[in-house]
Protein backbone atom coordinates (compact mmCIF):
# COMPACT_ATOMS: atom_id res chain seq x y z
CA UNK A 1 9.90 10.84 -19.07
CA UNK A 2 10.06 7.86 -16.75
CA UNK A 3 6.83 6.22 -15.67
CA UNK A 4 5.59 6.74 -12.10
CA UNK A 5 5.34 3.80 -9.69
CA UNK A 6 2.52 1.42 -10.60
CA UNK A 7 -0.14 -0.05 -8.32
CA UNK A 8 -2.90 -2.49 -9.23
CA UNK A 9 -6.32 -2.65 -7.61
CA UNK A 10 -8.26 -5.91 -7.81
CA UNK A 11 -11.74 -4.93 -6.69
CA UNK A 12 -15.35 -4.25 -7.55
CA UNK A 13 -16.70 -1.23 -9.39
CA UNK A 14 -18.75 1.37 -7.49
CA UNK A 15 -21.05 3.12 -9.96
CA UNK A 16 -21.40 6.03 -7.52
CA UNK A 17 -17.66 6.66 -7.61
CA UNK A 18 -17.07 6.80 -3.87
CA UNK A 19 -15.59 3.38 -3.17
CA UNK A 20 -14.26 0.35 -5.06
CA UNK A 21 -11.93 0.71 -8.00
CA UNK A 22 -13.05 4.28 -8.56
CA UNK A 23 -11.86 5.30 -5.09
CA UNK A 24 -8.69 3.25 -5.52
CA UNK A 25 -7.70 4.93 -8.77
CA UNK A 26 -8.47 8.42 -7.45
CA UNK A 27 -6.32 7.73 -4.38
CA UNK A 28 -3.42 6.43 -6.44
CA UNK A 29 -3.53 9.46 -8.71
CA UNK A 30 -3.62 11.82 -5.71
CA UNK A 31 -0.53 10.11 -4.30
CA UNK A 32 1.52 10.18 -7.49
CA UNK A 33 1.09 6.55 -8.49
CA UNK A 34 -0.15 5.14 -11.81
CA UNK A 35 -3.21 3.10 -10.93
CA UNK A 36 -4.40 0.06 -12.90
CA UNK A 37 -7.45 -2.10 -12.29
CA UNK A 38 -8.78 -5.62 -12.41
CA UNK A 39 -12.56 -5.47 -12.09
CA UNK A 40 -13.93 -8.37 -10.05
CA UNK A 41 -17.57 -7.34 -9.87
CA UNK A 42 -19.95 -4.71 -11.15
CA UNK A 43 -22.25 -3.09 -8.62
CA UNK A 44 -25.20 -0.75 -8.92
CA UNK A 45 -24.79 1.53 -5.92
CA UNK A 46 -25.21 5.11 -4.85
CA UNK A 47 -25.27 7.15 -1.66
CA UNK A 48 -28.21 5.12 -0.36
CA UNK A 49 -26.76 1.63 -0.70
CA UNK A 50 -26.05 -1.25 -3.07
CA UNK A 51 -28.95 -2.08 -5.34
CA UNK A 52 -27.26 -4.97 -7.13
CA UNK A 53 -23.93 -6.80 -7.54
CA UNK A 54 -22.71 -9.08 -10.33
CA UNK A 55 -19.37 -10.91 -9.88
CA UNK A 56 -17.36 -11.42 -13.06
CA UNK A 57 -16.21 -14.87 -14.19
CA UNK A 58 -12.92 -16.09 -12.78
CA UNK A 59 -11.39 -16.33 -16.26
CA UNK A 60 -12.23 -12.67 -16.89
CA UNK A 61 -10.52 -11.61 -13.68
CA UNK A 62 -7.49 -13.79 -14.35
CA UNK A 63 -7.14 -12.45 -17.91
CA UNK A 64 -7.22 -8.83 -16.72
CA UNK A 65 -4.57 -9.53 -14.09
CA UNK A 66 -2.22 -11.32 -16.45
CA UNK A 67 -2.68 -8.66 -19.11
CA UNK A 68 -1.51 -5.91 -16.76
CA UNK A 69 1.18 -7.71 -14.79
CA UNK A 70 2.82 -9.52 -17.71
CA UNK A 71 3.19 -6.41 -19.87
CA UNK A 72 3.17 -3.29 -17.67
CA UNK A 73 4.31 -4.73 -14.35
CA UNK A 74 3.35 -3.56 -10.86
CA UNK A 75 5.08 -2.45 -7.67
CA UNK A 76 2.13 -3.19 -5.36
CA UNK A 77 -1.26 -4.91 -5.48
CA UNK A 78 -4.38 -4.05 -3.48
CA UNK A 79 -7.55 -6.15 -3.20
CA UNK A 80 -11.09 -5.14 -2.33
CA UNK A 81 -14.43 -6.78 -3.10
CA UNK A 82 -13.88 -10.35 -4.28
CA UNK A 83 -17.45 -11.62 -3.74
CA UNK A 84 -17.06 -15.41 -4.07
CA UNK A 85 -14.80 -18.22 -2.89
CA UNK A 86 -13.78 -18.91 -6.49
CA UNK A 87 -12.65 -15.33 -7.02
CA UNK A 88 -10.87 -15.18 -3.66
CA UNK A 89 -8.89 -18.32 -4.43
CA UNK A 90 -8.02 -17.25 -7.98
CA UNK A 91 -6.82 -13.82 -6.86
CA UNK A 92 -4.82 -15.31 -3.98
CA UNK A 93 -3.06 -17.61 -6.44
CA UNK A 94 -2.28 -14.72 -8.78
CA UNK A 95 -0.88 -12.58 -5.97
CA UNK A 96 1.21 -15.46 -4.64
CA UNK A 97 2.92 -15.60 -8.04
CA UNK A 98 3.63 -11.86 -8.14
CA UNK A 99 6.65 -10.82 -6.10
CA UNK A 100 5.38 -7.43 -4.87
CA UNK A 101 3.74 -6.17 -1.67
CA UNK A 102 0.03 -6.94 -1.37
CA UNK A 103 -2.51 -4.99 0.67
CA UNK A 104 -5.55 -7.15 1.44
CA UNK A 105 -8.73 -5.31 2.41
CA UNK A 106 -11.05 -8.22 3.37
CA UNK A 107 -14.23 -6.44 2.32
CA UNK A 108 -17.29 -8.09 3.84
CA UNK A 109 -20.01 -5.45 3.89
CA UNK A 110 -20.54 -2.01 2.41
CA UNK A 111 -20.78 1.24 4.38
CA UNK A 112 -24.56 0.79 4.24
CA UNK A 113 -24.49 -2.77 5.59
CA UNK A 114 -24.92 -4.55 2.27
CA UNK A 115 -23.10 -7.88 1.98
CA UNK A 116 -20.25 -7.91 -0.54
CA UNK A 117 -18.81 -11.34 0.27
CA UNK A 118 -20.59 -14.67 0.16
CA UNK A 119 -20.53 -16.50 3.52
CA UNK A 120 -19.02 -19.49 1.71
CA UNK A 121 -15.98 -17.36 0.82
CA UNK A 122 -14.93 -16.61 4.39
CA UNK A 123 -12.84 -19.74 4.76
CA UNK A 124 -11.05 -18.98 1.48
CA UNK A 125 -10.21 -15.50 2.76
CA UNK A 126 -8.76 -17.00 5.93
CA UNK A 127 -6.79 -19.83 4.35
CA UNK A 128 -5.86 -18.50 0.89
CA UNK A 129 -5.97 -14.70 0.81
CA UNK A 130 -4.69 -13.57 4.21
CA UNK A 131 -1.53 -15.72 3.95
CA UNK A 132 -0.39 -13.77 0.86
CA UNK A 133 -0.95 -10.35 2.48
CA UNK A 134 1.89 -7.99 3.23
CA UNK A 135 -0.68 -5.91 5.11
CA UNK A 136 -4.25 -6.92 5.95
CA UNK A 137 -6.61 -4.05 6.78
CA UNK A 138 -9.82 -5.34 8.43
CA UNK A 139 -12.24 -3.10 10.27
CA UNK A 140 -13.81 -4.34 13.49
CA UNK A 141 -16.83 -5.90 11.77
CA UNK A 142 -14.53 -7.80 9.42
CA UNK A 143 -12.38 -8.93 12.35
CA UNK A 144 -15.47 -10.38 14.00
CA UNK A 145 -16.59 -11.99 10.75
CA UNK A 146 -13.20 -13.62 10.15
CA UNK A 147 -12.06 -14.52 13.67
CA UNK A 148 -15.06 -14.33 16.00
CA UNK A 149 -13.25 -11.73 18.11
CA UNK A 150 -15.52 -8.80 19.01
CA UNK A 151 -13.70 -5.59 19.89
CA UNK A 152 -15.44 -3.07 22.13
CA UNK A 153 -12.45 -1.19 23.51
CA UNK A 154 -9.00 -0.08 22.43
CA UNK A 155 -7.37 -2.63 24.75
CA UNK A 156 -9.06 -5.49 22.88
CA UNK A 157 -7.47 -4.50 19.57
CA UNK A 158 -4.30 -6.44 20.42
CA UNK A 159 -6.32 -9.64 20.74
CA UNK A 160 -7.97 -8.93 17.40
CA UNK A 161 -4.59 -8.36 15.75
CA UNK A 162 -3.23 -11.64 17.10
CA UNK A 163 -6.28 -13.50 15.80
CA UNK A 164 -5.84 -12.10 12.28
CA UNK A 165 -2.06 -12.61 12.28
CA UNK A 166 -2.66 -16.27 13.05
CA UNK A 167 -3.92 -16.64 9.46
CA UNK A 168 -0.57 -15.59 8.02
CA UNK A 169 -0.38 -11.95 6.92
CA UNK A 170 3.00 -10.29 7.61
CA UNK A 171 1.33 -7.21 9.10
CA UNK A 172 -2.21 -6.41 10.19
CA UNK A 173 -3.82 -3.00 10.56
CA UNK A 174 -6.81 -3.23 12.90
CA UNK A 175 -9.01 -0.24 12.07
CA UNK A 176 -10.69 1.05 15.21
CA UNK A 177 -12.82 3.69 13.52
CA UNK A 178 -16.02 2.17 14.89
CA UNK A 179 -14.92 2.73 18.49
CA UNK A 180 -15.85 5.94 20.36
CA UNK A 181 -13.32 8.73 20.76
CA UNK A 182 -10.37 9.39 18.48
CA UNK A 183 -9.93 7.28 15.36
CA UNK A 184 -7.35 4.74 16.58
CA UNK A 185 -5.74 2.01 14.47
CA UNK A 186 -3.23 -0.65 15.49
CA UNK A 187 -0.54 -1.79 13.07
CA UNK A 188 1.52 -4.79 14.17
CA UNK A 189 3.49 -7.73 12.84
CA UNK A 190 3.31 -9.51 16.18
CA UNK A 191 6.69 -8.17 17.30
CA UNK A 192 6.39 -4.40 16.99
CA UNK A 193 3.35 -2.18 17.46
CA UNK A 194 2.40 1.16 15.94
CA UNK A 195 -0.65 2.99 17.29
CA UNK A 196 -2.01 5.55 14.85
CA UNK A 197 -4.35 8.22 16.18
CA UNK A 198 -6.30 10.96 14.47
CA UNK A 199 -9.08 13.27 15.60
CA UNK A 200 -12.58 12.10 14.78
CA UNK A 201 -14.21 14.52 12.36
CA UNK A 202 -17.93 15.20 12.71
CA UNK A 203 -18.73 14.30 9.12
CA UNK A 204 -21.15 11.54 8.11
CA UNK A 205 -19.89 11.49 4.52
CA UNK A 206 -17.35 8.67 4.85
CA UNK A 207 -18.20 6.37 1.95
CA UNK A 208 -15.01 4.73 0.64
CA UNK A 209 -12.78 5.12 3.69
CA UNK A 210 -11.62 1.49 3.74
CA UNK A 211 -10.88 1.34 0.02
CA UNK A 212 -9.11 4.68 0.19
CA UNK A 213 -6.92 3.70 3.13
CA UNK A 214 -5.87 0.38 1.61
CA UNK A 215 -5.09 2.03 -1.73
CA UNK A 216 -3.07 4.75 -0.02
CA UNK A 217 -1.02 2.07 1.75
CA UNK A 218 -0.47 0.25 -1.54
CA UNK A 219 0.61 3.53 -3.14
CA UNK A 220 3.20 4.08 -0.44
CA UNK A 221 4.50 0.53 -0.77
CA UNK A 222 4.71 0.97 -4.56
CA UNK A 223 7.06 3.92 -4.03
CA UNK A 224 9.31 1.80 -1.81
CA UNK A 225 8.23 2.97 1.65
CA UNK A 226 8.51 0.46 4.51
CA UNK A 227 5.18 -0.76 5.88
CA UNK A 228 4.98 1.44 9.02
CA UNK A 229 5.85 4.57 7.04
CA UNK A 230 3.39 3.74 4.26
CA UNK A 231 0.59 3.12 6.76
CA UNK A 232 1.27 6.33 8.69
CA UNK A 233 1.23 8.36 5.46
CA UNK A 234 -1.98 6.64 4.36
CA UNK A 235 -3.64 7.39 7.70
CA UNK A 236 -2.79 11.08 7.29
CA UNK A 237 -4.19 11.12 3.76
CA UNK A 238 -7.47 9.38 4.60
CA UNK A 239 -8.00 11.56 7.69
CA UNK A 240 -7.88 14.63 5.46
CA UNK A 241 -10.19 12.95 2.95
CA UNK A 242 -12.73 12.20 5.69
CA UNK A 243 -12.62 15.76 6.99
CA UNK A 244 -13.34 17.03 3.47
CA UNK A 245 -16.03 14.44 2.67
CA UNK A 246 -19.04 15.96 0.95
CA UNK A 247 -22.74 15.36 0.51
CA UNK A 248 -23.76 13.54 -2.66
CA UNK A 249 -27.23 12.18 -3.37
CA UNK A 250 -29.66 11.52 -0.57
CA UNK A 251 -27.49 9.36 1.70
CA UNK A 252 -23.87 8.97 2.76
CA UNK A 253 -21.50 10.96 0.55
CA UNK A 254 -17.89 10.05 -0.27
CA UNK A 255 -14.61 11.12 1.23
CA UNK A 256 -12.78 13.70 -0.89
CA UNK A 257 -9.88 12.01 -2.65
CA UNK A 258 -8.70 15.33 -4.05
CA UNK A 259 -8.66 17.26 -0.77
CA UNK A 260 -4.96 18.12 -1.08
CA UNK A 261 -5.61 19.85 -4.38
CA UNK A 262 -8.11 22.29 -2.86
CA UNK A 263 -6.83 25.45 -1.23
CA UNK A 264 -9.69 25.81 1.24
CA UNK A 265 -9.00 22.54 3.14
């Protein structure tokens, strides 16, 4: 039997299983893609927050990446938590040398507000990581962190997109999930625009949405879909996962990566 398309996540581990590489691999499996991982950091986290985070050495991250790419090969790469400027720059260099689409999720803070990126790494994200992105997927807090543009309405999302595109990604997906009303995202390459809308589900269990969306996009790109099609399919998948999110522990539970496998959803 032939192998399925292959996607690689370069991200931190979430011990609670809702976000990070755990969410990435679950998403890839749900979408028919063979997921592989480069662990950049180990975190102790649960439904209540992040209790600790330990970035791995750059040489450890580089060795994992080379091990996978040089032998197995990949059709798409996705990044998540990179923690430090040194890791950001090393991963950007590795991606630049790999001729496949790259989805860059510029993770800055967790769902609970815990910092996952050192302030000193912001400039490396802007100047090294975003330029190698096929698609960058910042939420509104990350847009403000990276560009200084604060979005408070749907109309301001175009300005945010232009500010991120100025750093060099081919496409940017501005995630408007923090705005009131429907969940509205803007995908643009500066020439064409795609507005993606979905109903807002009254469910507080949304841990892992950003990781899941970025991994779903990478999965679509790994199968050969063009960017707008991959993003639209990923939006549909993550909307269903949010609707089916479930309580876990005493805080914010995860989205349900396996929602399509359950007959009651």
